[in-house]
Protein backbone atom coordinates (compact mmCIF):
# COMPACT_ATOMS: atom_id res chain seq x y z
CA MET A 1 37.11 -6.82 -9.06
CA LYS A 2 34.08 -9.10 -8.92
CA ALA A 3 30.95 -7.42 -10.29
CA ASP A 4 27.79 -7.35 -8.18
CA PRO A 5 25.07 -9.16 -10.18
CA ARG A 6 22.32 -6.94 -8.81
CA ARG A 7 21.25 -4.35 -11.38
CA THR A 8 20.50 -1.79 -8.69
CA GLU A 9 24.18 -1.87 -7.71
CA ALA A 10 25.47 -1.28 -11.24
CA VAL A 11 26.95 2.03 -12.37
CA HIS A 12 24.57 3.86 -14.70
CA PRO A 13 26.23 4.00 -18.13
CA ASP A 14 24.75 7.36 -19.16
CA HIS A 15 25.68 9.72 -16.34
CA ALA A 16 29.40 9.56 -15.64
CA ASP A 17 29.46 13.39 -15.80
CA LEU A 18 26.66 13.86 -13.24
CA ASP A 19 28.78 16.00 -10.93
CA SER A 20 29.64 18.35 -13.81
CA LEU A 21 26.10 19.13 -14.91
CA SER A 22 24.45 22.50 -14.49
CA VAL A 23 21.69 22.60 -11.90
CA PRO A 24 18.88 22.61 -14.53
CA ASP A 25 20.45 19.64 -16.32
CA LEU A 26 21.08 17.81 -13.03
CA VAL A 27 17.46 18.23 -11.98
CA ALA A 28 16.26 17.12 -15.43
CA VAL A 29 18.35 13.94 -15.27
CA LEU A 30 17.28 13.05 -11.73
CA ALA A 31 13.60 13.72 -12.41
CA GLY A 32 13.61 12.06 -15.82
CA ASP A 33 15.10 8.84 -14.50
CA GLN A 34 12.13 8.47 -12.14
CA LEU A 35 9.96 7.64 -15.16
CA GLU A 36 11.61 4.22 -15.18
CA ALA A 37 9.86 3.54 -11.87
CA VAL A 38 6.44 4.00 -13.45
CA ARG A 39 7.35 1.73 -16.35
CA ALA A 40 8.64 -0.94 -13.98
CA VAL A 41 5.38 -1.00 -12.03
CA GLN A 42 3.34 -1.12 -15.24
CA GLN A 43 5.33 -4.17 -16.33
CA ALA A 44 4.63 -5.77 -12.95
CA ALA A 45 0.85 -5.30 -13.30
CA PRO A 46 0.08 -9.04 -13.80
CA ALA A 47 1.94 -9.99 -10.63
CA LEU A 48 0.32 -7.14 -8.69
CA SER A 49 -3.12 -8.24 -9.91
CA LEU A 50 -2.44 -11.79 -8.78
CA ALA A 51 -1.34 -10.52 -5.37
CA VAL A 52 -4.58 -8.57 -4.96
CA GLU A 53 -6.73 -11.53 -5.95
CA ARG A 54 -4.87 -13.93 -3.66
CA ALA A 55 -4.87 -11.50 -0.72
CA LEU A 56 -8.58 -10.66 -0.73
CA PRO A 57 -10.03 -13.85 0.79
CA GLY A 58 -7.84 -13.68 3.89
CA LEU A 59 -8.51 -9.99 4.40
CA GLN A 60 -12.25 -10.60 4.03
CA ARG A 61 -11.92 -13.10 6.87
CA GLY A 62 -10.37 -10.45 9.10
CA GLY A 63 -6.71 -10.83 8.15
CA ARG A 64 -4.12 -8.09 8.32
CA LEU A 65 -1.71 -6.38 5.97
CA VAL A 66 1.79 -6.83 7.38
CA TYR A 67 4.74 -5.01 5.84
CA ALA A 68 8.40 -6.00 6.21
CA GLY A 69 11.42 -4.05 5.01
CA ALA A 70 14.69 -2.41 5.95
CA GLY A 71 15.88 1.15 5.39
CA THR A 72 13.98 2.98 2.66
CA SER A 73 11.88 -0.09 1.89
CA GLY A 74 10.87 -0.43 5.53
CA ARG A 75 9.98 3.25 5.80
CA LEU A 76 7.81 3.00 2.70
CA GLY A 77 5.98 0.11 4.34
CA VAL A 78 5.42 2.23 7.45
CA LEU A 79 4.06 5.04 5.27
CA ASP A 80 1.65 2.83 3.35
CA ALA A 81 0.39 1.12 6.49
CA THR A 82 -0.10 4.41 8.33
CA GLU A 83 -2.10 6.03 5.53
CA LEU A 84 -4.70 3.26 5.32
CA THR A 85 -6.55 4.38 8.44
CA PRO A 86 -7.25 8.04 7.57
CA THR A 87 -7.85 7.24 3.91
CA PHE A 88 -10.03 4.14 4.18
CA SER A 89 -10.87 3.78 7.91
CA TRP A 90 -8.87 0.56 7.83
CA PRO A 91 -8.40 -0.50 11.46
CA PRO A 92 -4.86 0.44 12.52
CA GLU A 93 -4.39 -2.94 14.19
CA ARG A 94 -4.89 -4.54 10.78
CA ALA A 95 -1.98 -2.67 9.15
CA VAL A 96 1.25 -3.80 10.78
CA PRO A 97 4.59 -2.37 9.58
CA LEU A 98 7.74 -4.25 10.54
CA ILE A 99 11.05 -2.47 9.96
CA ALA A 100 14.55 -3.75 10.63
CA GLY A 101 15.85 -2.03 13.74
CA GLY A 102 12.39 -1.20 15.08
CA GLU A 103 10.74 2.21 15.39
CA ARG A 104 14.06 4.01 15.82
CA ALA A 105 14.92 2.97 12.26
CA ILE A 106 12.10 5.13 10.90
CA ARG A 107 14.14 8.26 11.65
CA GLN A 108 17.73 7.06 11.50
CA ALA A 109 19.84 4.32 9.98
CA ILE A 110 20.43 1.38 12.32
CA GLU A 111 23.68 -0.20 11.21
CA GLY A 112 23.53 -3.95 10.67
CA ALA A 113 19.79 -4.26 11.34
CA GLU A 114 18.99 -5.36 7.81
CA ASP A 115 21.47 -8.25 8.08
CA ASP A 116 19.64 -9.84 11.02
CA ALA A 117 17.47 -12.64 9.61
CA PRO A 118 16.49 -13.97 13.07
CA ALA A 119 15.14 -10.50 13.91
CA GLY A 120 12.83 -10.68 10.89
CA GLU A 121 11.56 -14.04 12.07
CA ALA A 122 11.15 -12.78 15.64
CA ASP A 123 9.22 -9.69 14.52
CA VAL A 124 6.79 -11.83 12.52
CA LEU A 125 6.24 -14.13 15.49
CA SER A 126 5.83 -11.17 17.84
CA ALA A 127 3.19 -9.71 15.52
CA GLY A 128 1.28 -12.99 15.67
CA VAL A 129 1.16 -13.38 11.90
CA GLY A 130 -1.26 -16.12 10.88
CA GLY A 131 -3.14 -17.80 8.08
CA ASN A 132 -5.42 -14.91 7.07
CA ASP A 133 -2.64 -12.33 7.05
CA VAL A 134 -0.74 -11.01 4.04
CA LEU A 135 2.95 -10.15 4.31
CA LEU A 136 4.20 -7.52 1.86
CA ALA A 137 7.97 -7.95 1.94
CA VAL A 138 9.98 -5.23 0.23
CA ALA A 139 13.70 -5.14 -0.57
CA ALA A 140 15.34 -3.42 -3.53
CA SER A 141 18.21 -5.90 -3.51
CA GLY A 142 15.97 -8.92 -3.05
CA THR A 143 18.59 -10.35 -0.71
CA THR A 144 18.05 -8.49 2.60
CA PRO A 145 18.37 -11.09 5.40
CA TYR A 146 15.85 -9.39 7.71
CA VAL A 147 13.21 -9.47 4.97
CA LEU A 148 14.00 -13.05 3.95
CA GLY A 149 13.73 -14.13 7.58
CA ALA A 150 10.34 -12.45 7.83
CA VAL A 151 9.11 -14.18 4.67
CA ARG A 152 10.29 -17.62 5.77
CA CYS A 153 8.59 -17.25 9.14
CA ALA A 154 5.36 -15.82 7.71
CA ARG A 155 5.09 -18.68 5.23
CA ALA A 156 5.63 -21.17 8.04
CA GLN A 157 2.72 -19.54 9.89
CA GLY A 158 0.47 -19.95 6.85
CA ALA A 159 0.37 -16.31 5.72
CA LEU A 160 0.33 -15.29 2.07
CA THR A 161 3.67 -13.70 1.23
CA VAL A 162 4.25 -11.14 -1.53
CA GLY A 163 7.85 -10.18 -2.28
CA LEU A 164 8.74 -6.93 -4.07
CA SER A 165 12.29 -6.62 -5.41
CA ASN A 166 14.01 -4.33 -7.90
CA ASN A 167 16.34 -7.08 -9.11
CA PRO A 168 15.45 -10.18 -11.11
CA ASP A 169 16.22 -13.73 -10.00
CA THR A 170 16.62 -12.85 -6.33
CA PRO A 171 15.94 -15.00 -3.25
CA LEU A 172 13.01 -12.79 -2.24
CA LEU A 173 11.19 -13.33 -5.53
CA THR A 174 11.79 -17.07 -5.28
CA LEU A 175 10.92 -17.45 -1.60
CA ALA A 176 7.67 -15.44 -1.55
CA ASP A 177 4.40 -17.01 -2.70
CA ILE A 178 4.09 -14.20 -5.24
CA GLY A 179 7.15 -12.41 -6.57
CA VAL A 180 6.77 -8.88 -7.95
CA LEU A 181 9.75 -7.71 -9.98
CA LEU A 182 10.13 -3.92 -10.18
CA ASP A 183 13.03 -3.87 -12.62
CA THR A 184 14.24 -0.27 -12.39
CA GLY A 185 17.88 -0.93 -13.31
CA PRO A 186 20.91 1.14 -12.24
CA GLU A 187 20.37 4.37 -10.34
CA VAL A 188 21.58 7.76 -11.57
CA ILE A 189 23.58 7.93 -8.33
CA SER A 190 24.99 4.43 -8.33
CA GLY A 191 23.48 2.16 -5.69
CA SER A 192 21.20 4.84 -4.20
CA THR A 193 18.00 2.80 -4.21
CA ARG A 194 16.15 5.58 -2.38
CA LEU A 195 15.75 7.02 -5.89
CA LYS A 196 13.77 5.22 -8.61
CA ALA A 197 13.85 1.82 -6.88
CA GLY A 198 12.15 3.42 -3.89
CA THR A 199 9.74 5.30 -6.14
CA ALA A 200 8.71 2.05 -7.82
CA GLN A 201 8.18 0.44 -4.42
CA LYS A 202 6.00 3.35 -3.33
CA ILE A 203 3.88 3.13 -6.48
CA ALA A 204 3.57 -0.64 -6.17
CA LEU A 205 2.52 -0.49 -2.51
CA ASN A 206 0.05 2.30 -3.31
CA THR A 207 -1.37 0.20 -6.11
CA LEU A 208 -1.63 -2.98 -4.05
CA SER A 209 -3.23 -1.45 -0.98
CA SER A 210 -5.54 0.85 -2.95
CA ALA A 211 -6.77 -1.98 -5.18
CA LEU A 212 -7.43 -4.07 -2.08
CA MET A 213 -9.37 -1.26 -0.44
CA VAL A 214 -11.49 -0.75 -3.56
CA ARG A 215 -12.35 -4.45 -3.63
CA LEU A 216 -13.13 -4.39 0.09
CA GLY A 217 -15.81 -1.75 -0.44
CA LYS A 218 -13.89 1.28 0.78
CA VAL A 219 -14.63 3.22 -2.42
CA TYR A 220 -17.91 4.09 -4.17
CA GLY A 221 -17.29 4.89 -7.82
CA ASN A 222 -13.95 6.60 -7.42
CA LEU A 223 -14.99 8.40 -4.24
CA MET A 224 -13.11 7.90 -0.97
CA VAL A 225 -16.25 7.18 1.04
CA ASP A 226 -14.64 5.47 4.04
CA MET A 227 -12.24 8.31 4.88
CA ARG A 228 -12.05 9.70 8.40
CA ALA A 229 -12.99 13.38 8.53
CA SER A 230 -10.58 14.17 11.35
CA ASN A 231 -9.86 17.83 10.57
CA GLU A 232 -11.47 20.86 8.96
CA LYS A 233 -10.08 20.13 5.49
CA LEU A 234 -11.35 16.55 5.56
CA GLN A 235 -14.73 17.61 6.93
CA GLY A 236 -15.13 19.85 3.90
CA ARG A 237 -14.07 16.99 1.64
CA ALA A 238 -16.60 14.66 3.27
CA LEU A 239 -19.39 17.15 2.60
CA ARG A 240 -18.36 17.53 -1.05
CA LEU A 241 -18.19 13.75 -1.51
CA VAL A 242 -21.73 13.31 -0.21
CA GLN A 243 -22.96 16.10 -2.47
CA HIS A 244 -21.17 14.70 -5.50
CA ALA A 245 -22.58 11.21 -4.97
CA THR A 246 -26.16 12.26 -4.21
CA GLY A 247 -26.76 15.71 -5.67
CA ALA A 248 -27.83 16.93 -2.23
CA ASP A 249 -27.43 20.57 -1.25
CA ASP A 250 -25.20 21.76 1.59
CA GLN A 251 -27.90 21.55 4.22
CA ALA A 252 -29.17 18.07 3.32
CA ALA A 253 -25.67 16.66 2.94
CA GLY A 254 -24.56 18.20 6.23
CA THR A 255 -27.61 16.89 8.08
CA ALA A 256 -27.08 13.38 6.74
CA LEU A 257 -23.38 13.45 7.59
CA SER A 258 -24.15 14.57 11.12
CA ALA A 259 -26.74 11.82 11.57
CA ALA A 260 -24.25 9.30 10.17
CA GLY A 261 -21.58 10.33 12.65
CA GLY A 262 -19.47 11.81 9.87
CA HIS A 263 -19.39 8.54 7.90
CA VAL A 264 -19.57 9.48 4.22
CA LYS A 265 -20.72 6.11 2.92
CA THR A 266 -23.59 5.87 5.38
CA ALA A 267 -24.71 9.41 4.55
CA ILE A 268 -24.73 8.60 0.83
CA VAL A 269 -26.88 5.51 1.33
CA MET A 270 -29.21 7.46 3.63
CA LEU A 271 -29.82 10.13 1.02
CA LEU A 272 -30.11 7.83 -1.99
CA LEU A 273 -32.41 5.33 -0.26
CA HIS A 274 -34.28 7.91 1.85
CA VAL A 275 -33.63 5.97 5.05
CA ASP A 276 -32.25 6.86 8.46
CA ALA A 277 -28.69 6.20 9.62
CA GLY A 278 -29.54 2.93 11.32
CA GLN A 279 -31.25 1.53 8.25
CA ALA A 280 -28.40 2.68 6.00
CA SER A 281 -25.86 1.01 8.27
CA ARG A 282 -27.80 -2.24 8.18
CA CYS A 283 -28.02 -2.11 4.37
CA LEU A 284 -24.26 -1.65 4.17
CA GLU A 285 -23.55 -4.36 6.70
CA ALA A 286 -25.67 -6.83 4.74
CA GLU A 287 -23.47 -6.19 1.69
CA GLY A 288 -20.12 -6.33 3.45
CA GLY A 289 -19.76 -2.55 3.47
CA HIS A 290 -20.11 -2.16 -0.31
CA ALA A 291 -22.21 0.92 -1.06
CA ARG A 292 -22.88 0.00 -4.68
CA ALA A 293 -24.06 -3.48 -3.73
CA ALA A 294 -26.36 -2.03 -1.08
CA LEU A 295 -27.86 0.39 -3.60
CA ILE A 296 -28.27 -2.34 -6.22
CA ARG A 297 -30.12 -4.52 -3.73
CA ALA A 298 -32.45 -1.62 -3.02
CA GLY A 299 -33.00 -1.00 -6.73
CA GLN A 300 -31.21 2.36 -6.82
CA GLU A 301 -28.24 1.28 -8.97
CA GLU A 302 -27.77 -0.74 -12.13
CA ARG A 303 -25.41 -3.69 -11.96
């Protein structure tokens, strides 16, 4: 029998008795193995940092984050893309998830979809991917034809391509402009990359998109000041964020938030600079939406 060279397909050497373990031991093994995902992402920090630095200029020019994946990897891309709008008020049209098999594949497996390289190319073309866009291509195996097709096409259109794979020396890592190896090794349940390989992908995507949003001015300090207060819980959070950043009481924070149309960052600048909503918005706009830069310019913050 010819061995599969991909580490994610190997049989884990330590857990041949997995089906004989007690429930507490089984849970301990499954949970404990997830720690490898964190270590893999930590080891990939230099590549992730490079990806953030290379992606920023295009995004600052109005580019989009485009995700491409199949199966679990594709669904994780959908998740990351979807969360950017409520968390950072990132325009939904600037977070574009592409998944092999289309939207139906979010809820069920579409047999053979991941093997369709032309579909990956077609989806990239249909999305209108261009020179300012960033393609985050994710595949545990590093060999998924749909994902490779998407990367080839995106590169041809001038987009920056970032490939995330859980196996070393794979076509995805070679083909993408920036390869990010998340070397998680064999799974406790052999070949089930929805486990720690998927966890590492989730952490890496969280890290990439969050770092980008911080650099794009969506965060003040470590406060989520561009969030959308779309429900009662988030409205309460918005009020607390304004109070934390400014020291204002409930009434002052609430009044500023109301005048700012619920926009936390604008309310913070209003209160700290003692200006109205229009002036605060103009201050932020002049600094590309960066609250700290706006406050520094006004002499309210140290560099």
